[in-house]
């Protein structure tokens, strides 16, 4: 008796065998395809974009940039080498880091650059007004 009930529960209904053709296979993979697309657009793509921006920033490091390391140390770049940078932390303290240890350019440096650009524009404008 138990095997008869089990057989009835596990058997596919008649006519359902033809309905599980190619359309059924596509519909069963559709959720997996949607999940992969969501992961790509929400996780993988932004991460790749951020990694490219970081590589550009590391390649553009130059003497005088105010930087922050991944350890949280703030300083000014004194020397830029192929694989390392020497960061001046204090008056007499210089530390050598791998380029990859620089997490970003300090906000203070960005503000200084924007102020300098604005000052240069103001000087150009005042020079043009005097003429």
Protein backbone atom coordinates (compact mmCIF):
# COMPACT_ATOMS: atom_id res chain seq x y z
CA UNK A 1 0.00 0.00 0.00
CA UNK A 2 2.75 2.43 0.95
CA UNK A 3 4.59 1.84 -2.31
CA UNK A 4 1.34 2.44 -4.26
CA UNK A 5 0.79 5.86 -2.57
CA UNK A 6 4.42 6.78 -3.02
CA UNK A 7 4.22 5.84 -6.71
CA UNK A 8 1.12 8.03 -7.16
CA UNK A 9 2.74 11.00 -5.45
CA UNK A 10 6.00 10.77 -7.39
CA UNK A 11 4.54 10.01 -10.82
CA UNK A 12 4.14 12.85 -13.30
CA UNK A 13 0.62 13.46 -14.54
CA UNK A 14 -0.22 12.36 -18.03
CA UNK A 15 0.28 15.12 -20.55
CA UNK A 16 2.72 17.00 -18.30
CA UNK A 17 5.67 15.25 -19.91
CA UNK A 18 5.21 17.22 -23.14
CA UNK A 19 4.75 20.53 -21.29
CA UNK A 20 8.21 20.24 -19.71
CA UNK A 21 9.90 20.82 -23.08
CA UNK A 22 12.26 23.68 -23.91
CA UNK A 23 9.96 26.36 -22.46
CA UNK A 24 9.93 24.69 -19.08
CA UNK A 25 13.71 24.42 -19.03
CA UNK A 26 14.06 28.13 -19.81
CA UNK A 27 11.56 29.07 -17.12
CA UNK A 28 13.43 26.98 -14.55
CA UNK A 29 16.72 28.81 -15.33
CA UNK A 30 15.18 32.29 -15.45
CA UNK A 31 15.53 32.98 -11.69
CA UNK A 32 19.22 31.99 -11.79
CA UNK A 33 19.82 34.28 -14.77
CA UNK A 34 18.07 37.14 -12.94
CA UNK A 35 20.18 36.59 -9.80
CA UNK A 36 23.40 36.60 -11.83
CA UNK A 37 22.35 39.85 -13.56
CA UNK A 38 21.54 41.49 -10.23
CA UNK A 39 24.91 40.46 -8.76
CA UNK A 40 26.71 41.81 -11.82
CA UNK A 41 25.05 45.24 -11.78
CA UNK A 42 24.99 45.72 -7.99
CA UNK A 43 28.29 44.16 -6.91
CA UNK A 44 30.77 43.20 -9.63
CA UNK A 45 30.49 46.21 -11.96
CA UNK A 46 30.81 48.93 -9.25
CA UNK A 47 33.75 47.07 -7.69
CA UNK A 48 35.60 46.95 -11.02
CA UNK A 49 34.92 50.66 -11.56
CA UNK A 50 36.27 51.54 -8.11
CA UNK A 51 39.37 49.39 -8.69
CA UNK A 52 40.13 51.22 -11.96
CA UNK A 53 39.77 54.61 -10.22
CA UNK A 54 42.15 53.46 -7.46
CA UNK A 55 44.72 52.33 -10.02
CA UNK A 56 44.51 55.73 -11.77
CA UNK A 57 44.95 57.52 -8.45
CA UNK A 58 48.00 55.40 -7.54
CA UNK A 59 49.58 56.01 -10.94
CA UNK A 60 49.04 59.78 -10.60
CA UNK A 61 50.72 60.16 -7.18
CA UNK A 62 53.30 62.93 -7.15
CA UNK A 63 55.53 64.80 -4.71
CA UNK A 64 53.59 67.17 -2.47
CA UNK A 65 50.29 65.25 -2.50
CA UNK A 66 48.69 64.90 0.92
CA UNK A 67 47.69 61.25 1.30
CA UNK A 68 46.07 58.84 3.74
CA UNK A 69 47.35 55.28 4.02
CA UNK A 70 45.24 52.20 4.59
CA UNK A 71 46.47 52.29 8.19
CA UNK A 72 45.10 55.80 8.65
CA UNK A 73 48.43 57.65 8.60
CA UNK A 74 48.21 61.16 7.12
CA UNK A 75 51.24 62.71 5.48
CA UNK A 76 52.75 64.43 2.47
CA UNK A 77 54.57 62.55 -0.28
CA UNK A 78 58.27 63.44 -0.36
CA UNK A 79 59.54 60.92 -2.93
CA UNK A 80 57.75 58.77 -5.50
CA UNK A 81 59.46 55.59 -6.63
CA UNK A 82 58.35 52.79 -8.93
CA UNK A 83 56.82 50.57 -6.22
CA UNK A 84 57.03 52.75 -3.11
CA UNK A 85 56.45 56.28 -1.85
CA UNK A 86 58.14 58.08 1.01
CA UNK A 87 55.63 59.98 3.13
CA UNK A 88 56.62 62.80 5.46
CA UNK A 89 54.52 62.40 8.58
CA UNK A 90 56.17 64.92 10.91
CA UNK A 91 59.04 67.41 10.77
CA UNK A 92 61.73 64.73 11.07
CA UNK A 93 59.73 61.59 10.39
CA UNK A 94 59.58 59.96 6.97
CA UNK A 95 58.04 56.55 6.33
CA UNK A 96 58.33 54.42 3.20
CA UNK A 97 55.14 52.69 2.01
CA UNK A 98 54.19 50.53 -0.92
CA UNK A 99 52.08 52.45 -3.40
CA UNK A 100 49.22 50.06 -2.74
CA UNK A 101 49.20 51.17 0.91
CA UNK A 102 47.93 54.61 -0.10
CA UNK A 103 44.16 54.55 0.20
CA UNK A 104 43.53 58.02 -1.15
CA UNK A 105 44.43 61.64 -1.45
CA UNK A 106 43.51 63.58 1.68
CA UNK A 107 40.49 65.90 1.59
CA UNK A 108 42.70 68.73 2.81
CA UNK A 109 44.79 68.40 -0.33
CA UNK A 110 41.68 68.49 -2.51
CA UNK A 111 40.42 71.59 -0.72
CA UNK A 112 43.83 73.26 -1.09
CA UNK A 113 43.82 72.52 -4.82
CA UNK A 114 40.30 73.91 -5.31
CA UNK A 115 41.18 77.02 -3.31
CA UNK A 116 44.34 77.46 -5.39
CA UNK A 117 42.37 77.10 -8.62
CA UNK A 118 39.79 79.61 -7.40
CA UNK A 119 42.56 82.02 -6.33
CA UNK A 120 44.21 81.66 -9.75
CA UNK A 121 40.89 82.39 -11.48
CA UNK A 122 40.33 85.44 -9.26
CA UNK A 123 43.84 86.69 -10.04
CA UNK A 124 43.25 86.21 -13.77
CA UNK A 125 39.91 88.00 -13.57
CA UNK A 126 41.34 90.92 -11.61
CA UNK A 127 44.27 91.13 -14.05
CA UNK A 128 41.85 91.19 -16.98
CA UNK A 129 39.77 93.92 -15.32
CA UNK A 130 42.84 96.12 -14.80
CA UNK A 131 43.68 96.02 -18.51
